[in-house]
Amino acid sequence: MNQDILFSDIQSWDAVRQAVNFPAQQGGALIICWVTLDWLQQHSGKSLSTSDEIIATFIEYRFDIEDIAEAMIDNEDFNDNGDIVISE
């Protein structure tokens, strides 16, 4: 694990984007990270319909998601807004 990248225990569901938002910090800079509902459903094998189910599944897969986000940050795989988006 890269000690330069820190993740908090904060996450929120964004129904418009159909993704969970979770922040990372690298060198004092805030990086907005997202994991899509499609990714969560595909990796969990569940059909997720409520925000509570979605957040619970995110928490269940948090370490895997953070590992992917960390690798994407290291590789500078940012989108046009400077965010990291984990999707299928």
C-alpha atoms as a PDB file:
ATOM      1  CA  MET A   1       0.000   0.000   0.000  1.00  0.00           C
ATOM      2  CA  ASN A   2       1.265   3.437  -0.938  1.00  0.00           C
ATOM      3  CA  GLN A   3       1.575   5.456   2.279  1.00  0.00           C
ATOM      4  CA  ASP A   4       1.347   8.683   0.274  1.00  0.00           C
ATOM      5  CA  ILE A   5      -2.306   7.982  -0.583  1.00  0.00           C
ATOM      6  CA  LEU A   6      -4.803   8.088   2.263  1.00  0.00           C
ATOM      7  CA  PHE A   7      -8.456   7.064   2.171  1.00  0.00           C
ATOM      8  CA  SER A   8     -11.013   8.130   4.747  1.00  0.00           C
ATOM      9  CA  ASP A   9     -14.045   6.150   5.884  1.00  0.00           C
ATOM     10  CA  ILE A  10     -16.350   8.600   4.112  1.00  0.00           C
ATOM     11  CA  GLN A  11     -18.519   7.518   1.208  1.00  0.00           C
ATOM     12  CA  SER A  12     -21.772   8.690  -0.318  1.00  0.00           C
ATOM     13  CA  TRP A  13     -24.156   7.457  -2.977  1.00  0.00           C
ATOM     14  CA  ASP A  14     -24.793   9.789  -5.922  1.00  0.00           C
ATOM     15  CA  ALA A  15     -28.034   8.707  -7.610  1.00  0.00           C
ATOM     16  CA  VAL A  16     -27.493  11.043 -10.572  1.00  0.00           C
ATOM     17  CA  ARG A  17     -24.062   9.597 -11.385  1.00  0.00           C
ATOM     18  CA  GLN A  18     -25.086   6.079 -10.297  1.00  0.00           C
ATOM     19  CA  ALA A  19     -21.819   5.810  -8.382  1.00  0.00           C
ATOM     20  CA  VAL A  20     -20.388   5.887  -4.872  1.00  0.00           C
ATOM     21  CA  ASN A  21     -18.112   8.829  -4.133  1.00  0.00           C
ATOM     22  CA  PHE A  22     -15.162   8.383  -1.770  1.00  0.00           C
ATOM     23  CA  PRO A  23     -12.263  10.762  -1.169  1.00  0.00           C
ATOM     24  CA  ALA A  24      -8.540  10.099  -1.255  1.00  0.00           C
ATOM     25  CA  GLN A  25      -5.707  12.382  -0.284  1.00  0.00           C
ATOM     26  CA  GLN A  26      -2.240  12.455  -1.793  1.00  0.00           C
ATOM     27  CA  GLY A  27       0.349  14.970  -0.670  1.00  0.00           C
ATOM     28  CA  GLY A  28      -2.379  17.131   0.838  1.00  0.00           C
ATOM     29  CA  ALA A  29      -4.401  17.196  -2.387  1.00  0.00           C
ATOM     30  CA  LEU A  30      -7.983  15.919  -2.339  1.00  0.00           C
ATOM     31  CA  ILE A  31      -8.799  13.392  -5.045  1.00  0.00           C
ATOM     32  CA  ILE A  32     -12.434  12.538  -5.686  1.00  0.00           C
ATOM     33  CA  CYS A  33     -12.891   8.854  -6.441  1.00  0.00           C
ATOM     34  CA  TRP A  34     -15.957   7.069  -7.788  1.00  0.00           C
ATOM     35  CA  VAL A  35     -16.979   3.449  -8.177  1.00  0.00           C
ATOM     36  CA  THR A  36     -19.979   2.796 -10.390  1.00  0.00           C
ATOM     37  CA  LEU A  37     -23.080   0.844  -9.475  1.00  0.00           C
ATOM     38  CA  ASP A  38     -22.383  -1.456 -12.438  1.00  0.00           C
ATOM     39  CA  TRP A  39     -18.948  -2.315 -11.013  1.00  0.00           C
ATOM     40  CA  LEU A  40     -20.399  -3.026  -7.564  1.00  0.00           C
ATOM     41  CA  GLN A  41     -23.154  -5.220  -8.981  1.00  0.00           C
ATOM     42  CA  GLN A  42     -20.808  -7.132 -11.265  1.00  0.00           C
ATOM     43  CA  HIS A  43     -18.238  -7.828  -8.547  1.00  0.00           C
ATOM     44  CA  SER A  44     -20.751  -8.659  -5.839  1.00  0.00           C
ATOM     45  CA  GLY A  45     -23.061 -10.688  -8.048  1.00  0.00           C
ATOM     46  CA  LYS A  46     -25.983  -8.819  -6.469  1.00  0.00           C
ATOM     47  CA  SER A  47     -28.704  -6.632  -7.874  1.00  0.00           C
ATOM     48  CA  LEU A  48     -28.496  -3.501  -5.733  1.00  0.00           C
ATOM     49  CA  SER A  49     -31.525  -1.232  -5.609  1.00  0.00           C
ATOM     50  CA  THR A  50     -31.372   0.877  -2.440  1.00  0.00           C
ATOM     51  CA  SER A  51     -28.720   3.304  -1.287  1.00  0.00           C
ATOM     52  CA  ASP A  52     -28.293   1.237   1.899  1.00  0.00           C
ATOM     53  CA  GLU A  53     -27.550  -1.911  -0.146  1.00  0.00           C
ATOM     54  CA  ILE A  54     -25.166   0.000  -2.388  1.00  0.00           C
ATOM     55  CA  ILE A  55     -23.217   1.543   0.508  1.00  0.00           C
ATOM     56  CA  ALA A  56     -23.096  -1.811   2.357  1.00  0.00           C
ATOM     57  CA  THR A  57     -21.657  -3.466  -0.756  1.00  0.00           C
ATOM     58  CA  PHE A  58     -19.139  -0.646  -1.176  1.00  0.00           C
ATOM     59  CA  ILE A  59     -18.001  -1.165   2.424  1.00  0.00           C
ATOM     60  CA  GLU A  60     -17.769  -4.925   1.854  1.00  0.00           C
ATOM     61  CA  TYR A  61     -15.445  -4.359  -1.141  1.00  0.00           C
ATOM     62  CA  ARG A  62     -13.726  -1.222   0.224  1.00  0.00           C
ATOM     63  CA  PHE A  63     -10.192  -2.667   0.371  1.00  0.00           C
ATOM     64  CA  ASP A  64     -10.349  -3.968  -3.197  1.00  0.00           C
ATOM     65  CA  ILE A  65     -11.809  -0.672  -4.406  1.00  0.00           C
ATOM     66  CA  GLU A  66      -9.134   1.352  -2.599  1.00  0.00           C
ATOM     67  CA  ASP A  67      -6.402  -0.854  -4.105  1.00  0.00           C
ATOM     68  CA  ILE A  68      -7.771  -0.200  -7.601  1.00  0.00           C
ATOM     69  CA  ALA A  69      -8.106   3.543  -6.929  1.00  0.00           C
ATOM     70  CA  GLU A  70      -4.558   3.664  -5.545  1.00  0.00           C
ATOM     71  CA  ALA A  71      -3.168   1.998  -8.676  1.00  0.00           C
ATOM     72  CA  MET A  72      -5.146   4.398 -10.871  1.00  0.00           C
ATOM     73  CA  ILE A  73      -3.821   7.394  -8.904  1.00  0.00           C
ATOM     74  CA  ASP A  74      -0.252   6.073  -9.195  1.00  0.00           C
ATOM     75  CA  ASN A  75      -0.791   5.669 -12.965  1.00  0.00           C
ATOM     76  CA  GLU A  76      -2.404   9.120 -13.173  1.00  0.00           C
ATOM     77  CA  ASP A  77      -5.573   7.639 -14.706  1.00  0.00           C
ATOM     78  CA  PHE A  78      -7.652  10.725 -13.941  1.00  0.00           C
ATOM     79  CA  ASN A  79     -10.706  11.701 -15.967  1.00  0.00           C
ATOM     80  CA  ASP A  80     -11.165  15.182 -17.475  1.00  0.00           C
ATOM     81  CA  ASN A  81     -12.393  16.499 -14.089  1.00  0.00           C
ATOM     82  CA  GLY A  82      -9.344  15.170 -12.258  1.00  0.00           C
ATOM     83  CA  ASP A  83     -11.364  12.363 -10.643  1.00  0.00           C
ATOM     84  CA  ILE A  84     -10.692   8.644 -10.467  1.00  0.00           C
ATOM     85  CA  VAL A  85     -13.567   6.525 -11.820  1.00  0.00           C
ATOM     86  CA  ILE A  86     -13.670   2.764 -11.298  1.00  0.00           C
ATOM     87  CA  SER A  87     -16.070   1.255 -13.803  1.00  0.00           C
ATOM     88  CA  GLU A  88     -16.463  -1.700 -16.109  1.00  0.00           C
END
